[in-house]
Amino acid sequence: HMTKEELEKVLDKIDDIRALGESELRHMGTVSMRMQQNMLSAVERGMIVRDVLNEAFERMHGNGVRRDGAPEWRLYNILYCRYFKHRLKNDQISARLEFSSTRQYFRERTRAIEALLNILFEMEAANLGKEEDS
């Protein structure tokens, strides 16, 4: 069971494929099911972990065209700007997404990480259901 703090540490290393392959996410059933063989290198596992993270992240998108200030895209945009695309600093993201305060931004960033974690848990539960059916 991963915590939001552990997920945040993994997201901080999203560009380090080897670190992803050695992270706790490698133990997820969602990751294991995608491995064609058990003896994969850390880099190969990391690529699968990154694919799973990207899939979970894409499930967060809002409706319509992505806009920085759109409320339905807020959590997606925080993760997009911080981890998945630009690697911007927190104050840059806060200004870009028009937060009224840095404190508000950090609360929303926590919500975004929790939302991503919940999606990962949902993916895991769905895969457990598939295993039980077979």
Protein backbone atom coordinates (compact mmCIF):
# COMPACT_ATOMS: atom_id res chain seq x y z
CA HIS A 1 0.00 0.00 0.00
CA MET A 2 1.62 3.17 -1.19
CA THR A 3 1.19 6.52 0.53
CA LYS A 4 0.88 9.90 -1.14
CA GLU A 5 4.35 10.80 0.23
CA GLU A 6 5.85 7.71 -1.41
CA LEU A 7 4.07 8.49 -4.66
CA GLU A 8 5.40 12.05 -4.57
CA LYS A 9 8.96 10.71 -4.21
CA VAL A 10 8.38 8.46 -7.22
CA LEU A 11 6.98 11.37 -9.24
CA ASP A 12 10.08 13.42 -8.38
CA LYS A 13 12.10 10.71 -10.16
CA ILE A 14 9.79 10.23 -13.15
CA ASP A 15 12.62 11.02 -15.57
CA ASP A 16 14.91 8.40 -13.96
CA ILE A 17 13.67 5.16 -15.49
CA ARG A 18 16.01 3.01 -13.39
CA ALA A 19 14.73 4.60 -10.17
CA LEU A 20 11.14 3.96 -11.30
CA GLY A 21 12.02 0.32 -11.91
CA GLU A 22 13.35 0.06 -8.37
CA SER A 23 10.44 1.94 -6.78
CA GLU A 24 7.63 0.35 -4.79
CA LEU A 25 5.37 0.72 -7.82
CA ARG A 26 7.19 -2.20 -9.42
CA HIS A 27 5.24 -4.48 -7.03
CA MET A 28 1.84 -3.40 -8.32
CA GLY A 29 -0.19 -6.07 -10.04
CA THR A 30 -0.90 -3.53 -12.78
CA VAL A 31 2.84 -3.42 -13.49
CA SER A 32 3.38 -7.17 -13.10
CA MET A 33 0.61 -7.98 -15.58
CA ARG A 34 2.39 -5.93 -18.25
CA MET A 35 5.68 -7.75 -17.87
CA GLN A 36 6.16 -10.44 -20.50
CA GLN A 37 8.90 -12.05 -18.45
CA ASN A 38 9.90 -11.98 -14.79
CA MET A 39 13.59 -11.27 -15.24
CA LEU A 40 13.40 -7.71 -16.52
CA SER A 41 16.07 -5.15 -15.78
CA ALA A 42 15.32 -2.14 -13.58
CA VAL A 43 15.22 0.02 -16.72
CA GLU A 44 12.68 -2.26 -18.43
CA ARG A 45 10.54 -2.34 -15.26
CA GLY A 46 10.89 1.44 -15.02
CA MET A 47 9.49 1.90 -18.50
CA ILE A 48 6.45 -0.16 -17.53
CA VAL A 49 6.04 1.81 -14.27
CA ARG A 50 6.21 5.07 -16.22
CA ASP A 51 3.57 3.78 -18.66
CA VAL A 52 1.28 2.91 -15.73
CA LEU A 53 1.83 6.36 -14.18
CA ASN A 54 1.08 8.04 -17.51
CA GLU A 55 -2.08 5.98 -17.96
CA ALA A 56 -3.30 6.89 -14.46
CA PHE A 57 -2.39 10.54 -15.04
CA GLU A 58 -4.33 10.68 -18.33
CA ARG A 59 -7.43 9.43 -16.53
CA MET A 60 -7.39 12.71 -14.57
CA HIS A 61 -7.96 15.03 -17.51
CA GLY A 62 -10.95 17.32 -17.62
CA ASN A 63 -13.47 17.81 -20.40
CA GLY A 64 -12.76 19.75 -23.55
CA VAL A 65 -9.50 21.45 -24.40
CA ARG A 66 -6.92 21.72 -21.61
CA ARG A 67 -6.55 25.28 -20.35
CA ASP A 68 -4.34 26.45 -17.49
CA GLY A 69 -7.11 28.25 -15.63
CA ALA A 70 -9.93 25.72 -16.16
CA PRO A 71 -11.20 24.39 -12.79
CA GLU A 72 -11.97 20.93 -14.21
CA TRP A 73 -8.34 20.65 -15.35
CA ARG A 74 -6.74 22.02 -12.14
CA LEU A 75 -5.45 18.76 -10.60
CA TYR A 76 -4.32 17.46 -13.98
CA ASN A 77 -2.53 20.75 -14.74
CA ILE A 78 -0.67 20.73 -11.44
CA LEU A 79 0.78 17.29 -12.13
CA TYR A 80 1.32 18.16 -15.81
CA CYS A 81 3.36 21.25 -14.94
CA ARG A 82 5.23 19.76 -11.99
CA TYR A 83 6.01 16.17 -12.98
CA PHE A 84 4.75 14.93 -16.33
CA LYS A 85 5.72 17.69 -18.75
CA HIS A 86 7.51 20.85 -17.70
CA ARG A 87 9.14 20.19 -14.28
CA LEU A 88 8.31 23.79 -13.30
CA LYS A 89 9.02 25.11 -9.82
CA ASN A 90 6.13 25.41 -7.39
CA ASP A 91 5.97 29.22 -7.52
CA GLN A 92 5.94 29.14 -11.34
CA ILE A 93 3.05 26.67 -11.34
CA SER A 94 1.16 28.68 -8.74
CA ALA A 95 1.43 31.80 -10.92
CA ARG A 96 0.72 29.98 -14.20
CA LEU A 97 -2.42 28.32 -12.83
CA GLU A 98 -3.53 31.56 -11.15
CA PHE A 99 -3.63 30.41 -7.53
CA SER A 100 -4.41 33.16 -5.05
CA SER A 101 -1.68 31.95 -2.68
CA THR A 102 1.18 29.47 -2.53
CA ARG A 103 -0.58 27.81 0.38
CA GLN A 104 -3.63 27.16 -1.79
CA TYR A 105 -1.36 25.71 -4.48
CA PHE A 106 0.24 23.26 -2.03
CA ARG A 107 -3.18 22.12 -0.79
CA GLU A 108 -4.27 21.51 -4.38
CA ARG A 109 -1.00 19.75 -5.23
CA THR A 110 -1.63 17.37 -2.33
CA ARG A 111 -5.16 16.76 -3.68
CA ALA A 112 -3.71 16.09 -7.14
CA ILE A 113 -1.25 13.50 -5.82
CA GLU A 114 -4.03 11.87 -3.76
CA ALA A 115 -6.25 11.75 -6.86
CA LEU A 116 -3.47 10.08 -8.87
CA LEU A 117 -2.90 7.60 -6.03
CA ASN A 118 -6.60 6.78 -5.94
CA ILE A 119 -6.59 6.11 -9.68
CA LEU A 120 -3.61 3.78 -9.22
CA PHE A 121 -5.57 1.97 -6.48
CA GLU A 122 -8.58 1.71 -8.82
CA MET A 123 -6.37 0.26 -11.56
CA GLU A 124 -4.97 -2.22 -9.05
CA ALA A 125 -8.44 -3.25 -7.88
CA ALA A 126 -9.58 -3.73 -11.48
CA ASN A 127 -6.57 -5.97 -12.15
CA LEU A 128 -7.26 -8.00 -9.01
CA GLY A 129 -10.80 -8.51 -10.26
CA LYS A 130 -9.46 -9.76 -13.60
CA GLU A 131 -7.13 -12.23 -11.83
CA GLU A 132 -10.00 -13.58 -9.72
CA ASP A 133 -12.17 -14.04 -12.82
CA SER A 134 -9.55 -16.13 -14.60
